[in-house]
């Protein structure tokens, strides 16, 4: 029977946790920006860190639980998107789980879609969606009764 002080067990825990941290870091670019502060708690050097393997696993499990909740909900965030001129514009982004996102600025003249890609969210500017995205945000905030709002979806 191994104890928690067994060097072989500690090494196995470090290796398993290191693999989990590395895997999660590889997926981090696909996570919405709201999760980046939680991911920042994970050490970049899994071998030389003073953070215990159990602490690292707790962070990973916590982030995965939050991602699961996020993936099963519609949420909104205030974010910034780059417009056609490369300038950052404040937008409201509606995430439909981790599958799709839509954004619009307050003026209603800058809007678009987002979909997860291999290197993070891929954003496409589509100003013609501004009114529909604004309507979705009003429904989300209970400013208007729920009704069907057609929006494009990319299925991969």
Protein backbone atom coordinates (compact mmCIF):
# COMPACT_ATOMS: atom_id res chain seq x y z
CA UNK A 1 0.00 0.00 0.00
CA UNK A 2 1.37 3.42 -0.97
CA UNK A 3 1.24 6.43 1.29
CA UNK A 4 0.94 10.06 0.23
CA UNK A 5 4.62 10.41 1.11
CA UNK A 6 5.70 7.67 -1.29
CA UNK A 7 8.11 9.23 -3.87
CA UNK A 8 6.78 7.00 -6.67
CA UNK A 9 3.22 8.16 -6.00
CA UNK A 10 4.27 11.81 -5.83
CA UNK A 11 6.09 11.46 -9.14
CA UNK A 12 3.06 9.80 -10.75
CA UNK A 13 0.82 12.59 -9.41
CA UNK A 14 3.16 15.25 -10.80
CA UNK A 15 3.27 13.56 -14.22
CA UNK A 16 -0.52 13.11 -14.36
CA UNK A 17 -1.14 16.69 -13.26
CA UNK A 18 1.47 18.01 -15.69
CA UNK A 19 -0.26 16.21 -18.54
CA UNK A 20 -3.65 17.59 -17.47
CA UNK A 21 -2.27 21.14 -17.19
CA UNK A 22 -0.55 20.89 -20.59
CA UNK A 23 -3.74 19.56 -22.20
CA UNK A 24 -5.81 22.31 -20.63
CA UNK A 25 -3.33 25.00 -21.71
CA UNK A 26 -3.57 23.66 -25.27
CA UNK A 27 -7.34 24.20 -25.12
CA UNK A 28 -7.06 27.60 -23.42
CA UNK A 29 -7.13 29.55 -26.68
CA UNK A 30 -10.57 28.12 -27.39
CA UNK A 31 -11.94 29.23 -24.03
CA UNK A 32 -13.77 32.55 -23.88
CA UNK A 33 -11.72 35.41 -22.47
CA UNK A 34 -13.72 35.27 -19.23
CA UNK A 35 -11.89 32.07 -18.26
CA UNK A 36 -8.37 33.36 -18.86
CA UNK A 37 -7.89 34.68 -15.28
CA UNK A 38 -8.71 31.25 -13.85
CA UNK A 39 -6.35 29.58 -16.30
CA UNK A 40 -3.62 32.05 -15.33
CA UNK A 41 -3.57 30.44 -11.87
CA UNK A 42 -2.01 27.33 -13.40
CA UNK A 43 1.80 27.29 -13.29
CA UNK A 44 3.65 27.37 -16.59
CA UNK A 45 6.36 25.04 -15.23
CA UNK A 46 4.58 21.98 -13.85
CA UNK A 47 7.79 20.30 -12.69
CA UNK A 48 9.45 23.24 -10.92
CA UNK A 49 6.31 24.72 -9.37
CA UNK A 50 5.68 24.93 -5.65
CA UNK A 51 1.96 24.46 -6.27
CA UNK A 52 0.91 21.00 -5.13
CA UNK A 53 -0.47 18.58 -7.72
CA UNK A 54 -3.76 18.47 -5.81
CA UNK A 55 -4.05 22.27 -5.97
CA UNK A 56 -3.41 22.24 -9.71
CA UNK A 57 -6.02 19.53 -10.22
CA UNK A 58 -8.52 21.54 -8.15
CA UNK A 59 -7.97 24.54 -10.45
CA UNK A 60 -8.41 22.35 -13.54
CA UNK A 61 -11.56 20.69 -12.17
CA UNK A 62 -12.94 24.11 -11.19
CA UNK A 63 -12.31 25.52 -14.67
CA UNK A 64 -13.82 22.44 -16.32
CA UNK A 65 -16.93 22.76 -14.13
CA UNK A 66 -17.28 26.42 -15.11
CA UNK A 67 -16.77 25.56 -18.78
CA UNK A 68 -19.46 22.89 -18.53
CA UNK A 69 -21.89 25.42 -17.04
CA UNK A 70 -20.93 27.95 -19.72
CA UNK A 71 -21.38 25.40 -22.50
CA UNK A 72 -24.94 24.71 -21.37
CA UNK A 73 -26.06 28.32 -21.20
CA UNK A 74 -26.52 31.53 -23.12
CA UNK A 75 -24.32 34.26 -21.65
CA UNK A 76 -23.30 37.80 -22.50
CA UNK A 77 -20.03 39.62 -21.95
CA UNK A 78 -18.79 43.13 -22.62
CA UNK A 79 -15.70 42.69 -24.78
CA UNK A 80 -13.67 44.40 -27.48
CA UNK A 81 -13.51 43.41 -31.15
CA UNK A 82 -11.35 44.85 -33.90
CA UNK A 83 -13.24 46.59 -36.69
CA UNK A 84 -12.28 46.70 -40.37
CA UNK A 85 -9.76 49.49 -39.63
CA UNK A 86 -8.10 47.43 -36.90
CA UNK A 87 -9.44 49.64 -34.09
CA UNK A 88 -10.85 48.05 -30.95
CA UNK A 89 -14.56 48.62 -30.49
CA UNK A 90 -16.55 47.90 -27.32
CA UNK A 91 -19.18 45.26 -28.04
CA UNK A 92 -21.66 43.06 -26.25
CA UNK A 93 -21.04 39.41 -27.10
CA UNK A 94 -23.67 36.69 -26.77
CA UNK A 95 -22.18 33.21 -26.40
CA UNK A 96 -24.39 30.23 -27.20
CA UNK A 97 -22.41 27.77 -25.11
CA UNK A 98 -19.01 27.08 -26.64
CA UNK A 99 -20.51 26.60 -30.10
CA UNK A 100 -21.32 30.06 -31.40
CA UNK A 101 -21.12 33.74 -30.51
CA UNK A 102 -22.58 36.97 -31.84
CA UNK A 103 -21.49 40.53 -31.10
CA UNK A 104 -22.79 44.05 -31.65
CA UNK A 105 -21.69 47.52 -30.54
CA UNK A 106 -23.97 50.05 -28.84
CA UNK A 107 -24.38 52.11 -32.01
CA UNK A 108 -25.62 49.03 -33.88
CA UNK A 109 -23.31 49.62 -36.84
CA UNK A 110 -20.70 46.96 -36.03
CA UNK A 111 -21.65 43.32 -35.55
CA UNK A 112 -20.55 39.82 -36.37
CA UNK A 113 -20.26 36.16 -35.49
CA UNK A 114 -17.76 33.96 -33.74
CA UNK A 115 -17.05 30.25 -33.86
CA UNK A 116 -14.41 28.21 -32.05
CA UNK A 117 -11.46 27.31 -34.24
CA UNK A 118 -8.22 25.42 -33.78
CA UNK A 119 -6.43 28.54 -32.49
CA UNK A 120 -9.23 30.25 -30.58
CA UNK A 121 -12.42 32.02 -31.51
CA UNK A 122 -12.62 33.05 -35.14
CA UNK A 123 -14.58 36.27 -35.62
CA UNK A 124 -16.32 37.42 -38.79
CA UNK A 125 -17.67 40.95 -39.22
CA UNK A 126 -21.29 40.97 -40.42
CA UNK A 127 -22.87 44.43 -39.91
CA UNK A 128 -26.18 43.18 -41.34
CA UNK A 129 -26.70 41.11 -38.15
CA UNK A 130 -26.65 44.11 -35.81
CA UNK A 131 -30.42 44.42 -35.37
CA UNK A 132 -30.87 40.68 -34.80
CA UNK A 133 -28.02 40.46 -32.27
CA UNK A 134 -29.33 43.54 -30.46
CA UNK A 135 -32.77 41.84 -30.32
CA UNK A 136 -31.22 38.68 -28.82
CA UNK A 137 -29.55 40.80 -26.13
CA UNK A 138 -32.88 42.48 -25.30
CA UNK A 139 -34.53 39.07 -24.98
CA UNK A 140 -31.65 37.78 -22.85
CA UNK A 141 -32.09 40.73 -20.47
CA UNK A 142 -35.88 40.20 -20.36
CA UNK A 143 -36.47 43.60 -21.94
CA UNK A 144 -38.63 41.90 -24.57
CA UNK A 145 -40.66 38.69 -24.66
CA UNK A 146 -38.87 35.64 -26.03
CA UNK A 147 -39.39 34.89 -29.70
CA UNK A 148 -37.46 33.28 -32.53
CA UNK A 149 -34.59 35.38 -33.89
CA UNK A 150 -32.86 33.88 -36.94
CA UNK A 151 -29.07 34.00 -36.84
CA UNK A 152 -26.50 32.15 -38.98
CA UNK A 153 -24.71 29.13 -37.51
CA UNK A 154 -21.49 27.46 -38.63
CA UNK A 155 -21.41 23.70 -38.06
CA UNK A 156 -18.01 21.99 -38.16
